[in-house]
Amino acid sequence: MAKNGPVSKYIPLNIGVAIRASASDLHSFRWKTGKRVEADFFIDDPELLLRVSFDGPCIVRLIDEMPLSTEHEHCADEGLVRDHFAYQVEGAAFNKSQSEIWKMAVGIYGPTSHFRFVTAWTCMDVVTPATPEFEIVPQAIAQQT
């Protein structure tokens, strides 16, 4: 079935490490004191995790891949790369549905962007003026934080 309507544009992010989205899942999520958000994802190495963090105000959605993939089946998706994990997304419904007043209020930190992290199971959307940071951490240390 051909998709018609608005287009969501996916811009793949180079995170500095190869990660197969189909083999990954969310390990843990933390909202730290202040405005920091951290999410740890499984990678191919069973002793390591990929930590994605944002140091700024965020709106976060954690959602299973299945409802995400069927969220707007009449919209075209441009730029999706098979088995890719991290994207900046333009024109997606999740970003459009967020409060414009919130976006203006956090505008003191810069314009907001929508980031999406795709796994075979749990996916994460983040709308924020912050830039994502990526770090490989030992799983043992991640469980202590």
N, C-alpha and C. Protein backbone atom coordinates (compact mmCIF):
# COMPACT_ATOMS: atom_id res chain seq x y z
N MET A 1 0.85 -1.18 0.00
CA MET A 1 0.00 0.00 0.00
C MET A 1 0.89 1.24 0.00
N ALA A 2 0.67 2.12 -0.91
CA ALA A 2 1.45 3.36 -1.00
C ALA A 2 1.05 4.30 0.12
N LYS A 3 2.02 5.00 0.65
CA LYS A 3 1.74 5.97 1.70
C LYS A 3 1.59 7.34 1.07
N ASN A 4 0.54 8.03 1.48
CA ASN A 4 0.28 9.38 1.00
C ASN A 4 0.26 10.32 2.19
N GLY A 5 0.36 11.60 1.94
CA GLY A 5 0.26 12.56 3.01
C GLY A 5 1.61 13.13 3.40
N PRO A 6 1.67 13.71 4.61
CA PRO A 6 2.90 14.37 5.05
C PRO A 6 4.07 13.39 5.13
N VAL A 7 5.26 13.94 5.00
CA VAL A 7 6.47 13.12 5.02
C VAL A 7 7.23 13.40 6.32
N SER A 8 7.62 12.32 7.01
CA SER A 8 8.55 12.45 8.13
C SER A 8 9.93 12.22 7.56
N LYS A 9 10.83 13.16 7.80
CA LYS A 9 12.19 13.05 7.28
C LYS A 9 13.12 12.58 8.39
N TYR A 10 13.75 11.43 8.17
CA TYR A 10 14.70 10.85 9.12
C TYR A 10 16.11 11.19 8.67
N ILE A 11 16.88 11.80 9.56
CA ILE A 11 18.27 12.14 9.28
C ILE A 11 19.13 11.25 10.17
N PRO A 12 19.79 10.22 9.60
CA PRO A 12 20.60 9.32 10.42
C PRO A 12 21.72 10.06 11.14
N LEU A 13 21.91 9.75 12.42
CA LEU A 13 22.99 10.35 13.21
C LEU A 13 24.16 9.39 13.25
N ASN A 14 25.36 9.93 13.13
CA ASN A 14 26.57 9.14 13.30
C ASN A 14 26.93 9.23 14.78
N ILE A 15 26.79 8.12 15.49
CA ILE A 15 27.01 8.14 16.94
C ILE A 15 28.40 7.64 17.32
N GLY A 16 29.21 7.30 16.33
CA GLY A 16 30.59 6.91 16.60
C GLY A 16 30.79 5.45 16.94
N VAL A 17 29.72 4.68 16.94
CA VAL A 17 29.83 3.25 17.22
C VAL A 17 28.76 2.53 16.39
N ALA A 18 29.12 1.35 15.90
CA ALA A 18 28.15 0.57 15.13
C ALA A 18 27.19 -0.11 16.10
N ILE A 19 25.91 0.08 15.88
CA ILE A 19 24.89 -0.57 16.70
C ILE A 19 23.77 -1.03 15.78
N ARG A 20 23.43 -2.30 15.89
CA ARG A 20 22.33 -2.84 15.08
C ARG A 20 21.02 -2.62 15.83
N ALA A 21 20.17 -1.81 15.29
CA ALA A 21 18.90 -1.51 15.94
C ALA A 21 18.10 -2.77 16.22
N SER A 22 18.14 -3.72 15.30
CA SER A 22 17.36 -4.95 15.45
C SER A 22 17.85 -5.83 16.59
N ALA A 23 19.09 -5.62 17.04
CA ALA A 23 19.64 -6.42 18.14
C ALA A 23 19.67 -5.64 19.45
N SER A 24 19.16 -4.43 19.45
CA SER A 24 19.23 -3.57 20.63
C SER A 24 17.88 -3.49 21.34
N ASP A 25 17.93 -2.99 22.56
CA ASP A 25 16.74 -2.68 23.34
C ASP A 25 17.15 -1.71 24.43
N LEU A 26 16.16 -1.07 25.03
CA LEU A 26 16.42 -0.17 26.14
C LEU A 26 16.76 -0.98 27.38
N HIS A 27 17.88 -0.69 28.00
CA HIS A 27 18.29 -1.35 29.25
C HIS A 27 17.73 -0.60 30.45
N SER A 28 17.89 0.74 30.47
CA SER A 28 17.41 1.53 31.59
C SER A 28 17.24 2.99 31.17
N PHE A 29 16.43 3.69 31.94
CA PHE A 29 16.15 5.10 31.68
C PHE A 29 16.18 5.83 33.02
N ARG A 30 16.82 6.99 33.06
CA ARG A 30 16.91 7.78 34.28
C ARG A 30 16.68 9.26 33.98
N TRP A 31 15.86 9.86 34.81
CA TRP A 31 15.68 11.31 34.78
C TRP A 31 16.45 11.83 35.98
N LYS A 32 17.59 12.45 35.74
CA LYS A 32 18.50 12.86 36.80
C LYS A 32 18.08 14.22 37.38
N THR A 33 18.66 14.56 38.53
CA THR A 33 18.42 15.85 39.16
C THR A 33 18.76 16.95 38.17
N GLY A 34 17.95 17.97 38.16
CA GLY A 34 18.13 19.03 37.18
C GLY A 34 17.37 18.66 35.92
N LYS A 35 18.01 18.79 34.79
CA LYS A 35 17.33 18.53 33.52
C LYS A 35 17.95 17.38 32.74
N ARG A 36 18.84 16.61 33.34
CA ARG A 36 19.56 15.57 32.60
C ARG A 36 18.73 14.30 32.45
N VAL A 37 18.72 13.76 31.24
CA VAL A 37 18.06 12.50 30.93
C VAL A 37 19.12 11.53 30.43
N GLU A 38 19.09 10.29 30.93
CA GLU A 38 20.03 9.25 30.47
C GLU A 38 19.26 7.99 30.12
N ALA A 39 19.61 7.39 29.00
CA ALA A 39 19.04 6.11 28.59
C ALA A 39 20.19 5.21 28.15
N ASP A 40 20.19 3.99 28.67
CA ASP A 40 21.22 3.01 28.30
C ASP A 40 20.59 1.95 27.40
N PHE A 41 21.28 1.64 26.30
CA PHE A 41 20.79 0.66 25.33
C PHE A 41 21.77 -0.48 25.20
N PHE A 42 21.23 -1.70 25.02
CA PHE A 42 22.08 -2.86 24.75
C PHE A 42 22.74 -2.70 23.39
N ILE A 43 23.99 -3.14 23.29
CA ILE A 43 24.70 -3.20 22.02
C ILE A 43 25.21 -4.63 21.85
N ASP A 44 25.95 -4.89 20.79
CA ASP A 44 26.40 -6.26 20.50
C ASP A 44 27.32 -6.85 21.56
N ASP A 45 28.02 -6.02 22.30
CA ASP A 45 28.91 -6.51 23.36
C ASP A 45 28.10 -6.67 24.65
N PRO A 46 27.98 -7.88 25.20
CA PRO A 46 27.14 -8.11 26.37
C PRO A 46 27.63 -7.42 27.65
N GLU A 47 28.86 -6.94 27.65
CA GLU A 47 29.39 -6.27 28.85
C GLU A 47 29.31 -4.75 28.77
N LEU A 48 28.89 -4.23 27.62
CA LEU A 48 28.85 -2.78 27.42
C LEU A 48 27.45 -2.32 27.05
N LEU A 49 27.19 -1.05 27.30
CA LEU A 49 25.94 -0.40 26.92
C LEU A 49 26.27 0.91 26.22
N LEU A 50 25.35 1.37 25.39
CA LEU A 50 25.45 2.70 24.79
C LEU A 50 24.58 3.63 25.63
N ARG A 51 25.19 4.66 26.20
CA ARG A 51 24.44 5.65 26.97
C ARG A 51 24.16 6.84 26.08
N VAL A 52 22.88 7.19 26.00
CA VAL A 52 22.43 8.39 25.28
C VAL A 52 21.95 9.36 26.35
N SER A 53 22.48 10.57 26.34
CA SER A 53 22.06 11.53 27.36
C SER A 53 21.80 12.90 26.74
N PHE A 54 20.93 13.63 27.42
CA PHE A 54 20.59 15.00 27.03
C PHE A 54 20.70 15.85 28.28
N ASP A 55 21.41 16.95 28.20
CA ASP A 55 21.59 17.84 29.33
C ASP A 55 20.79 19.11 29.08
N GLY A 56 19.48 19.02 29.25
CA GLY A 56 18.59 20.14 29.02
C GLY A 56 17.16 19.69 29.16
N PRO A 57 16.21 20.61 29.07
CA PRO A 57 14.81 20.25 29.19
C PRO A 57 14.40 19.31 28.05
N CYS A 58 13.60 18.30 28.39
CA CYS A 58 13.21 17.28 27.40
C CYS A 58 11.76 16.86 27.59
N ILE A 59 11.14 16.49 26.51
CA ILE A 59 9.91 15.71 26.52
C ILE A 59 10.30 14.36 25.94
N VAL A 60 10.01 13.29 26.68
CA VAL A 60 10.46 11.95 26.30
C VAL A 60 9.26 11.02 26.16
N ARG A 61 9.33 10.16 25.16
CA ARG A 61 8.32 9.10 24.99
C ARG A 61 9.06 7.79 24.79
N LEU A 62 8.69 6.79 25.59
CA LEU A 62 9.18 5.43 25.41
C LEU A 62 8.02 4.63 24.85
N ILE A 63 8.26 3.93 23.74
CA ILE A 63 7.17 3.24 23.06
C ILE A 63 7.70 1.98 22.39
N ASP A 64 6.88 0.95 22.37
CA ASP A 64 7.25 -0.28 21.68
C ASP A 64 7.35 -0.02 20.18
N GLU A 65 8.22 -0.75 19.52
CA GLU A 65 8.44 -0.56 18.08
C GLU A 65 7.17 -0.80 17.27
N MET A 66 6.35 -1.78 17.65
CA MET A 66 5.18 -2.12 16.85
C MET A 66 4.19 -0.95 16.73
N PRO A 67 3.72 -0.35 17.85
CA PRO A 67 2.82 0.79 17.66
C PRO A 67 3.50 1.99 17.00
N LEU A 68 4.80 2.15 17.22
CA LEU A 68 5.51 3.24 16.57
C LEU A 68 5.50 3.07 15.06
N SER A 69 5.72 1.84 14.60
CA SER A 69 5.79 1.59 13.15
C SER A 69 4.43 1.72 12.47
N THR A 70 3.35 1.64 13.24
CA THR A 70 2.01 1.76 12.66
C THR A 70 1.34 3.07 13.06
N GLU A 71 2.09 3.96 13.69
CA GLU A 71 1.52 5.19 14.23
C GLU A 71 0.80 6.03 13.17
N HIS A 72 1.42 6.22 12.05
CA HIS A 72 0.80 7.01 10.98
C HIS A 72 1.07 6.31 9.65
N GLU A 73 0.31 5.26 9.41
CA GLU A 73 0.59 4.43 8.24
C GLU A 73 0.30 5.10 6.91
N HIS A 74 -0.34 6.26 6.93
CA HIS A 74 -0.62 6.95 5.67
C HIS A 74 0.41 8.05 5.38
N CYS A 75 1.44 8.13 6.21
CA CYS A 75 2.51 9.11 6.01
C CYS A 75 3.75 8.42 5.45
N ALA A 76 4.41 9.08 4.56
CA ALA A 76 5.66 8.54 4.02
C ALA A 76 6.80 8.85 4.97
N ASP A 77 7.77 7.96 5.02
CA ASP A 77 8.98 8.17 5.82
C ASP A 77 10.15 8.23 4.87
N GLU A 78 10.91 9.32 4.94
CA GLU A 78 12.06 9.53 4.06
C GLU A 78 13.33 9.45 4.90
N GLY A 79 14.32 8.72 4.41
CA GLY A 79 15.62 8.69 5.07
C GLY A 79 15.86 7.54 6.02
N LEU A 80 14.85 6.68 6.24
CA LEU A 80 15.07 5.53 7.12
C LEU A 80 16.12 4.61 6.52
N VAL A 81 17.04 4.17 7.36
CA VAL A 81 18.12 3.27 6.95
C VAL A 81 17.93 1.95 7.69
N ARG A 82 17.97 0.86 6.97
CA ARG A 82 17.77 -0.46 7.58
C ARG A 82 18.73 -0.67 8.75
N ASP A 83 18.18 -1.05 9.89
CA ASP A 83 18.93 -1.41 11.09
C ASP A 83 19.70 -0.25 11.71
N HIS A 84 19.32 1.00 11.37
CA HIS A 84 19.99 2.16 11.96
C HIS A 84 19.31 2.53 13.28
N PHE A 85 20.06 3.02 14.23
CA PHE A 85 19.59 3.24 15.60
C PHE A 85 19.16 4.68 15.89
N ALA A 86 19.92 5.67 15.49
CA ALA A 86 19.71 7.05 15.94
C ALA A 86 19.40 8.00 14.78
N TYR A 87 18.36 8.82 14.98
CA TYR A 87 17.94 9.77 13.96
C TYR A 87 17.56 11.11 14.58
N GLN A 88 17.71 12.16 13.79
CA GLN A 88 17.00 13.41 14.03
C GLN A 88 15.83 13.35 13.07
N VAL A 89 14.64 13.71 13.54
CA VAL A 89 13.44 13.55 12.73
C VAL A 89 12.79 14.92 12.52
N GLU A 90 12.38 15.17 11.30
CA GLU A 90 11.66 16.40 10.97
C GLU A 90 10.27 16.04 10.47
N GLY A 91 9.26 16.75 10.94
CA GLY A 91 7.91 16.57 10.45
C GLY A 91 7.13 15.43 11.06
N ALA A 92 7.61 14.82 12.14
CA ALA A 92 6.91 13.70 12.76
C ALA A 92 5.79 14.20 13.67
N ALA A 93 4.75 13.39 13.79
CA ALA A 93 3.59 13.75 14.59
C ALA A 93 3.94 13.98 16.05
N PHE A 94 4.87 13.20 16.60
CA PHE A 94 5.22 13.35 18.02
C PHE A 94 5.72 14.76 18.30
N ASN A 95 6.59 15.27 17.48
CA ASN A 95 7.11 16.63 17.68
C ASN A 95 6.00 17.66 17.46
N LYS A 96 5.21 17.47 16.43
CA LYS A 96 4.14 18.43 16.13
C LYS A 96 3.10 18.51 17.24
N SER A 97 2.93 17.41 17.98
CA SER A 97 1.90 17.37 19.02
C SER A 97 2.34 18.00 20.34
N GLN A 98 3.59 18.42 20.44
CA GLN A 98 4.08 19.01 21.70
C GLN A 98 3.69 20.48 21.78
N SER A 99 3.57 20.96 22.98
CA SER A 99 3.14 22.33 23.27
C SER A 99 4.08 23.37 22.65
N GLU A 100 3.51 24.24 21.85
CA GLU A 100 4.29 25.33 21.28
C GLU A 100 4.74 26.29 22.37
N ILE A 101 3.94 26.43 23.43
CA ILE A 101 4.32 27.30 24.54
C ILE A 101 5.56 26.74 25.23
N TRP A 102 5.60 25.40 25.43
CA TRP A 102 6.79 24.77 26.02
C TRP A 102 8.00 25.01 25.13
N LYS A 103 7.83 24.81 23.83
CA LYS A 103 8.95 25.01 22.90
C LYS A 103 9.46 26.45 22.95
N MET A 104 8.55 27.42 23.08
CA MET A 104 8.98 28.81 23.18
C MET A 104 9.69 29.05 24.51
N ALA A 105 9.17 28.46 25.59
CA ALA A 105 9.77 28.66 26.92
C ALA A 105 11.19 28.11 26.99
N VAL A 106 11.41 26.94 26.41
CA VAL A 106 12.76 26.35 26.45
C VAL A 106 13.64 26.91 25.34
N GLY A 107 13.08 27.79 24.52
CA GLY A 107 13.83 28.40 23.43
C GLY A 107 15.03 29.21 23.90
N ILE A 108 15.08 29.53 25.19
CA ILE A 108 16.26 30.23 25.72
C ILE A 108 17.50 29.36 25.60
N TYR A 109 17.31 28.04 25.50
CA TYR A 109 18.42 27.10 25.33
C TYR A 109 18.72 26.83 23.85
N GLY A 110 17.87 27.31 22.97
CA GLY A 110 18.03 27.07 21.54
C GLY A 110 16.77 26.44 20.97
N PRO A 111 16.69 26.30 19.66
CA PRO A 111 15.50 25.70 19.05
C PRO A 111 15.41 24.21 19.39
N THR A 112 14.19 23.71 19.50
CA THR A 112 14.01 22.29 19.81
C THR A 112 14.19 21.44 18.57
N SER A 113 14.65 20.22 18.80
CA SER A 113 14.78 19.20 17.76
C SER A 113 14.14 17.92 18.26
N HIS A 114 13.77 17.06 17.33
CA HIS A 114 13.18 15.76 17.66
C HIS A 114 14.19 14.68 17.31
N PHE A 115 14.53 13.85 18.29
CA PHE A 115 15.44 12.73 18.10
C PHE A 115 14.68 11.44 18.34
N ARG A 116 15.00 10.42 17.56
CA ARG A 116 14.35 9.11 17.71
C ARG A 116 15.43 8.03 17.73
N PHE A 117 15.30 7.13 18.70
CA PHE A 117 16.22 6.01 18.87
C PHE A 117 15.41 4.73 18.71
N VAL A 118 15.74 3.95 17.69
CA VAL A 118 14.93 2.82 17.27
C VAL A 118 15.63 1.51 17.64
N THR A 119 14.89 0.63 18.31
CA THR A 119 15.38 -0.72 18.58
C THR A 119 14.30 -1.69 18.12
N ALA A 120 14.57 -2.97 18.25
CA ALA A 120 13.57 -3.97 17.88
C ALA A 120 12.43 -4.01 18.89
N TRP A 121 12.62 -3.41 20.05
CA TRP A 121 11.61 -3.50 21.11
C TRP A 121 11.17 -2.12 21.57
N THR A 122 11.97 -1.49 22.40
CA THR A 122 11.59 -0.20 22.98
C THR A 122 12.29 0.93 22.22
N CYS A 123 11.50 1.89 21.76
CA CYS A 123 12.04 3.04 21.05
C CYS A 123 11.87 4.28 21.93
N MET A 124 12.70 5.27 21.69
CA MET A 124 12.65 6.49 22.50
C MET A 124 12.63 7.71 21.59
N ASP A 125 11.65 8.58 21.83
CA ASP A 125 11.56 9.88 21.17
C ASP A 125 11.91 10.95 22.19
N VAL A 126 12.67 11.95 21.77
CA VAL A 126 13.04 13.06 22.64
C VAL A 126 12.89 14.37 21.86
N VAL A 127 12.14 15.31 22.43
CA VAL A 127 12.05 16.66 21.89
C VAL A 127 12.78 17.56 22.88
N THR A 128 13.78 18.28 22.41
CA THR A 128 14.66 19.03 23.30
C THR A 128 15.48 20.06 22.53
N PRO A 129 15.92 21.11 23.21
CA PRO A 129 16.90 22.00 22.59
C PRO A 129 18.34 21.50 22.81
N ALA A 130 18.50 20.44 23.61
CA ALA A 130 19.83 19.90 23.92
C ALA A 130 20.33 19.00 22.78
N THR A 131 21.62 18.81 22.74
CA THR A 131 22.26 17.93 21.76
C THR A 131 22.50 16.57 22.43
N PRO A 132 22.20 15.47 21.74
CA PRO A 132 22.46 14.17 22.37
C PRO A 132 23.95 13.90 22.52
N GLU A 133 24.29 13.25 23.62
CA GLU A 133 25.66 12.81 23.86
C GLU A 133 25.64 11.29 23.89
N PHE A 134 26.68 10.67 23.33
CA PHE A 134 26.77 9.21 23.25
C PHE A 134 28.05 8.75 23.93
N GLU A 135 27.93 7.68 24.72
CA GLU A 135 29.07 7.16 25.46
C GLU A 135 28.90 5.66 25.66
N ILE A 136 29.97 4.91 25.48
CA ILE A 136 29.96 3.48 25.79
C ILE A 136 30.32 3.33 27.26
N VAL A 137 29.49 2.60 28.01
CA VAL A 137 29.73 2.40 29.44
C VAL A 137 29.67 0.91 29.77
N PRO A 138 30.48 0.46 30.73
CA PRO A 138 30.38 -0.93 31.17
C PRO A 138 29.02 -1.18 31.81
N GLN A 139 28.41 -2.30 31.51
CA GLN A 139 27.09 -2.61 32.04
C GLN A 139 27.10 -2.62 33.57
N ALA A 140 28.18 -3.09 34.17
CA ALA A 140 28.27 -3.15 35.63
C ALA A 140 28.20 -1.75 36.25
N ILE A 141 28.85 -0.78 35.63
CA ILE A 141 28.83 0.60 36.14
C ILE A 141 27.46 1.23 35.90
N ALA A 142 26.86 0.96 34.76
CA ALA A 142 25.55 1.53 34.44
C ALA A 142 24.51 1.10 35.46
N GLN A 143 24.61 -0.11 35.97
CA GLN A 143 23.63 -0.60 36.93
C GLN A 143 23.77 0.08 38.28
N GLN A 144 24.91 0.71 38.54
CA GLN A 144 25.15 1.39 39.81
C GLN A 144 24.67 2.84 39.79
N THR A 145 24.44 3.39 38.60
CA THR A 145 24.06 4.81 38.51
C THR A 145 22.57 4.99 38.58
